[in-house]
């Protein structure tokens, strides 16, 4: 939304951001530069009005004003935003594919020997409270490429074996991130200060991972794949 003088007076100072949380609802506003302003509003299913679980697009502003009337700074944001520019969607995650008893990855399709696999949100969807969805997908892409690289190098006996290795390695990495994101998502609706403390602790644990190069600059994966025919 254009960052008007009125928004600067009533909602947010330039070059800053603000978050209001509690009672199952969250509001976030931020100056994103170039004269533009972004806002978002979240509510748990438990905190939402039962009459607002579905509505027509033309009613979206009325519904949001009623739902978030008590969340600081959102009223003016909703008022100045055209209804057609407001995106409403559910945020959901997927339970990690791990054994409850051992905590080890449990890939249901592993016995089939399939050459198909899953990547990103299709494999480990998570809510965005820790901002790790895209990062985890990038990591997964690296692990998948590394697993197939081992087939090209003769270090893995088959593509299905390489895919299962990728799936196990990736699920070991992301299972706790999915769960931590879910915990953090619950916290933000209850206690903003605790949310910020947990945010920093979780990110300290997630960051700092490094990856070895998959190939040298003198060797392209396209050349090796086309000459070896491993994936044919």
Protein backbone atom coordinates (compact mmCIF):
# COMPACT_ATOMS: atom_id res chain seq x y z
CA UNK A 1 0.00 0.00 0.00
CA UNK A 2 1.29 3.56 -0.58
CA UNK A 3 2.87 4.80 2.64
CA UNK A 4 0.78 7.96 2.98
CA UNK A 5 1.38 10.81 5.39
CA UNK A 6 -1.73 9.72 7.31
CA UNK A 7 -0.29 6.22 7.84
CA UNK A 8 2.94 7.78 9.06
CA UNK A 9 0.95 9.85 11.57
CA UNK A 10 -1.43 7.14 12.81
CA UNK A 11 0.32 3.82 12.30
CA UNK A 12 4.10 3.72 11.85
CA UNK A 13 7.19 5.88 11.70
CA UNK A 14 9.20 5.72 8.46
CA UNK A 15 11.92 3.06 8.23
CA UNK A 16 10.46 0.95 11.02
CA UNK A 17 8.18 -2.00 11.70
CA UNK A 18 5.76 -2.98 14.46
CA UNK A 19 4.09 -6.15 15.70
CA UNK A 20 1.12 -6.54 18.02
CA UNK A 21 0.35 -10.01 19.41
CA UNK A 22 -1.83 -11.76 21.92
CA UNK A 23 -5.29 -13.29 22.43
CA UNK A 24 -4.88 -15.48 19.37
CA UNK A 25 -4.37 -12.64 16.90
CA UNK A 26 -1.31 -10.91 15.46
CA UNK A 27 -0.76 -7.76 13.43
CA UNK A 28 2.44 -6.81 11.63
CA UNK A 29 3.20 -3.54 9.81
CA UNK A 30 6.42 -2.46 8.07
CA UNK A 31 7.81 0.29 5.87
CA UNK A 32 9.26 -1.63 2.88
CA UNK A 33 10.77 1.43 1.18
CA UNK A 34 10.11 3.23 -2.11
CA UNK A 35 7.05 4.87 -0.57
CA UNK A 36 5.32 1.54 0.12
CA UNK A 37 3.92 -0.02 3.26
CA UNK A 38 3.08 -3.69 4.03
CA UNK A 39 0.75 -5.15 6.64
CA UNK A 40 -0.40 -8.62 7.60
CA UNK A 41 -2.90 -10.02 10.09
CA UNK A 42 -3.08 -13.54 11.51
CA UNK A 43 -5.63 -15.30 13.70
CA UNK A 44 -5.85 -18.83 15.05
CA UNK A 45 -8.94 -20.87 14.25
CA UNK A 46 -9.86 -20.79 17.94
CA UNK A 47 -9.71 -16.99 18.06
CA UNK A 48 -11.72 -16.34 14.91
CA UNK A 49 -15.41 -15.54 14.82
CA UNK A 50 -17.33 -18.64 13.71
CA UNK A 51 -19.24 -16.47 11.20
CA UNK A 52 -16.07 -15.44 9.35
CA UNK A 53 -14.73 -18.81 8.28
CA UNK A 54 -15.89 -18.07 4.73
CA UNK A 55 -16.96 -14.85 3.04
CA UNK A 56 -17.20 -13.13 -0.34
CA UNK A 57 -14.29 -11.03 -1.55
CA UNK A 58 -16.45 -7.89 -1.42
CA UNK A 59 -16.93 -8.42 2.33
CA UNK A 60 -13.25 -8.97 3.16
CA UNK A 61 -12.62 -5.51 4.63
CA UNK A 62 -15.74 -5.64 6.79
CA UNK A 63 -14.74 -9.05 8.09
CA UNK A 64 -11.14 -8.04 8.80
CA UNK A 65 -12.15 -4.82 10.57
CA UNK A 66 -14.41 -6.85 12.86
CA UNK A 67 -11.89 -9.65 13.44
CA UNK A 68 -8.94 -7.36 14.19
CA UNK A 69 -10.66 -4.37 15.76
CA UNK A 70 -8.60 -4.75 18.96
CA UNK A 71 -5.22 -5.36 17.29
CA UNK A 72 -3.18 -2.16 17.41
CA UNK A 73 -2.55 -0.26 14.17
CA UNK A 74 -4.44 -2.58 11.81
CA UNK A 75 -7.68 -0.61 11.46
CA UNK A 76 -6.14 2.19 9.42
CA UNK A 77 -4.16 -0.32 7.30
CA UNK A 78 -7.32 -2.22 6.39
CA UNK A 79 -9.19 1.00 5.67
CA UNK A 80 -6.69 2.29 3.07
CA UNK A 81 -6.18 -1.03 1.27
CA UNK A 82 -8.40 -1.88 -1.73
CA UNK A 83 -10.33 -5.10 -1.15
CA UNK A 84 -8.95 -6.63 -4.37
CA UNK A 85 -5.39 -6.20 -3.04
CA UNK A 86 -6.04 -8.21 0.13
CA UNK A 87 -5.02 -11.88 0.01
CA UNK A 88 -6.74 -14.19 2.51
CA UNK A 89 -5.43 -17.74 2.95
CA UNK A 90 -4.93 -20.45 5.53
CA UNK A 91 -1.48 -21.20 6.90
CA UNK A 92 -0.87 -24.90 7.56
CA UNK A 93 2.00 -27.28 8.10
CA UNK A 94 2.53 -31.03 7.64
CA UNK A 95 3.51 -33.43 10.41
CA UNK A 96 7.13 -34.56 9.93
CA UNK A 97 7.57 -38.08 8.55
CA UNK A 98 9.30 -39.53 11.60
CA UNK A 99 8.70 -42.50 13.85
CA UNK A 100 7.10 -41.32 17.09
CA UNK A 101 9.09 -43.77 19.19
CA UNK A 102 12.58 -43.32 17.71
CA UNK A 103 12.38 -39.91 16.08
CA UNK A 104 14.01 -41.38 12.98
CA UNK A 105 12.72 -40.59 9.47
CA UNK A 106 9.91 -42.86 8.33
CA UNK A 107 9.38 -42.61 4.57
CA UNK A 108 6.12 -44.42 3.71
CA UNK A 109 6.95 -45.00 0.06
CA UNK A 110 10.52 -46.23 0.63
CA UNK A 111 9.75 -49.97 0.15
CA UNK A 112 8.31 -49.35 -3.33
CA UNK A 113 11.70 -48.56 -4.87
CA UNK A 114 10.18 -45.59 -6.72
CA UNK A 115 12.28 -43.07 -8.61
CA UNK A 116 9.89 -40.33 -7.50
CA UNK A 117 10.50 -38.09 -4.51
CA UNK A 118 9.21 -34.92 -2.85
CA UNK A 119 10.90 -31.57 -2.34
CA UNK A 120 10.14 -28.38 -0.43
CA UNK A 121 6.64 -27.79 0.88
CA UNK A 122 5.41 -31.00 -0.74
CA UNK A 123 7.76 -32.87 1.62
CA UNK A 124 7.87 -30.70 4.75
CA UNK A 125 5.42 -27.78 4.74
CA UNK A 126 5.84 -25.53 7.78
CA UNK A 127 4.22 -22.35 9.02
CA UNK A 128 6.27 -19.16 8.50
CA UNK A 129 6.82 -18.18 12.15
CA UNK A 130 10.58 -18.83 11.90
CA UNK A 131 10.93 -17.89 8.22
CA UNK A 132 12.55 -21.23 7.35
CA UNK A 133 10.28 -22.62 4.62
CA UNK A 134 12.28 -21.38 1.63
CA UNK A 135 15.62 -21.95 3.37
CA UNK A 136 14.71 -25.57 4.09
CA UNK A 137 13.67 -26.04 0.47
CA UNK A 138 17.02 -24.70 -0.74
CA UNK A 139 18.79 -27.10 1.60
CA UNK A 140 16.65 -29.93 0.27
CA UNK A 141 17.54 -29.05 -3.31
CA UNK A 142 21.22 -29.24 -2.38
CA UNK A 143 20.81 -32.61 -0.64
CA UNK A 144 18.89 -34.02 -3.59
CA UNK A 145 21.54 -32.86 -6.04
CA UNK A 146 24.27 -34.27 -3.79
CA UNK A 147 22.49 -37.63 -3.58
CA UNK A 148 22.19 -37.88 -7.38
CA UNK A 149 25.80 -36.78 -7.69
CA UNK A 150 26.78 -39.88 -5.72
CA UNK A 151 25.03 -42.00 -8.35
CA UNK A 152 27.06 -40.34 -11.11
CA UNK A 153 30.25 -40.96 -9.12
CA UNK A 154 29.41 -44.61 -8.51
CA UNK A 155 29.13 -44.05 -4.75
CA UNK A 156 25.44 -45.05 -4.69
CA UNK A 157 24.14 -48.19 -6.36
CA UNK A 158 20.91 -46.79 -7.81
CA UNK A 159 18.73 -43.73 -8.17
CA UNK A 160 16.07 -45.09 -5.75
CA UNK A 161 18.75 -45.69 -3.11
CA UNK A 162 20.05 -42.15 -3.60
CA UNK A 163 16.58 -40.69 -3.31
CA UNK A 164 15.88 -42.57 -0.08
CA UNK A 165 19.19 -41.30 1.33
CA UNK A 166 18.21 -37.73 0.40
CA UNK A 167 14.77 -38.15 2.00
CA UNK A 168 16.20 -39.49 5.26
CA UNK A 169 18.90 -36.79 5.48
CA UNK A 170 16.48 -33.99 4.69
CA UNK A 171 13.80 -35.20 7.09
CA UNK A 172 16.35 -35.51 9.92
CA UNK A 173 17.29 -31.88 9.31
CA UNK A 174 13.81 -30.37 8.92
CA UNK A 175 11.64 -32.39 11.32
CA UNK A 176 12.65 -30.32 14.34
CA UNK A 177 12.38 -27.08 12.31
CA UNK A 178 8.76 -27.92 11.41
CA UNK A 179 8.02 -28.62 15.07
CA UNK A 180 9.90 -25.53 16.27
CA UNK A 181 7.97 -23.39 13.77
CA UNK A 182 4.70 -24.80 15.09
CA UNK A 183 5.71 -24.07 18.71
CA UNK A 184 6.81 -20.59 17.79
CA UNK A 185 3.58 -20.01 15.89
CA UNK A 186 1.60 -20.80 19.03
CA UNK A 187 3.84 -18.59 21.17
CA UNK A 188 3.42 -15.48 19.03
CA UNK A 189 -0.31 -15.51 19.68
CA UNK A 190 0.19 -15.76 23.43
CA UNK A 191 3.29 -13.84 24.51
CA UNK A 192 5.17 -11.49 22.20
CA UNK A 193 8.22 -11.17 24.47
CA UNK A 194 8.60 -14.94 24.74
CA UNK A 195 8.14 -15.14 20.97
CA UNK A 196 11.11 -12.82 20.39
CA UNK A 197 13.33 -14.73 22.83
CA UNK A 198 12.44 -18.06 21.24
CA UNK A 199 12.93 -16.61 17.75
CA UNK A 200 16.53 -15.70 18.46
CA UNK A 201 17.32 -19.03 20.14
CA UNK A 202 15.83 -21.04 17.27
CA UNK A 203 17.62 -19.06 14.58
CA UNK A 204 20.94 -19.39 16.39
CA UNK A 205 20.48 -23.18 16.16
CA UNK A 206 19.46 -23.18 12.49
CA UNK A 207 22.01 -20.86 10.97
CA UNK A 208 25.69 -21.51 10.37
CA UNK A 209 25.29 -24.74 8.37
CA UNK A 210 27.73 -25.05 5.45
CA UNK A 211 27.71 -27.15 2.29
CA UNK A 212 30.56 -28.52 0.20
CA UNK A 213 30.56 -27.71 -3.56
CA UNK A 214 28.84 -30.40 -5.63
CA UNK A 215 31.34 -30.14 -8.47
CA UNK A 216 34.38 -28.19 -9.57
CA UNK A 217 34.11 -25.26 -11.97
CA UNK A 218 35.87 -27.36 -14.61
CA UNK A 219 33.16 -30.04 -14.60
CA UNK A 220 29.50 -29.39 -15.32
CA UNK A 221 26.80 -31.76 -14.08
CA UNK A 222 25.02 -31.55 -17.44
CA UNK A 223 28.01 -33.04 -19.25
CA UNK A 224 28.38 -35.93 -16.80
CA UNK A 225 24.65 -36.69 -16.77
CA UNK A 226 24.40 -36.81 -20.55
CA UNK A 227 27.49 -38.97 -20.96
CA UNK A 228 26.82 -41.46 -18.17
CA UNK A 229 23.18 -42.23 -18.86
CA UNK A 230 22.69 -43.16 -15.21
CA UNK A 231 19.24 -41.62 -15.05
CA UNK A 232 17.95 -43.10 -18.29
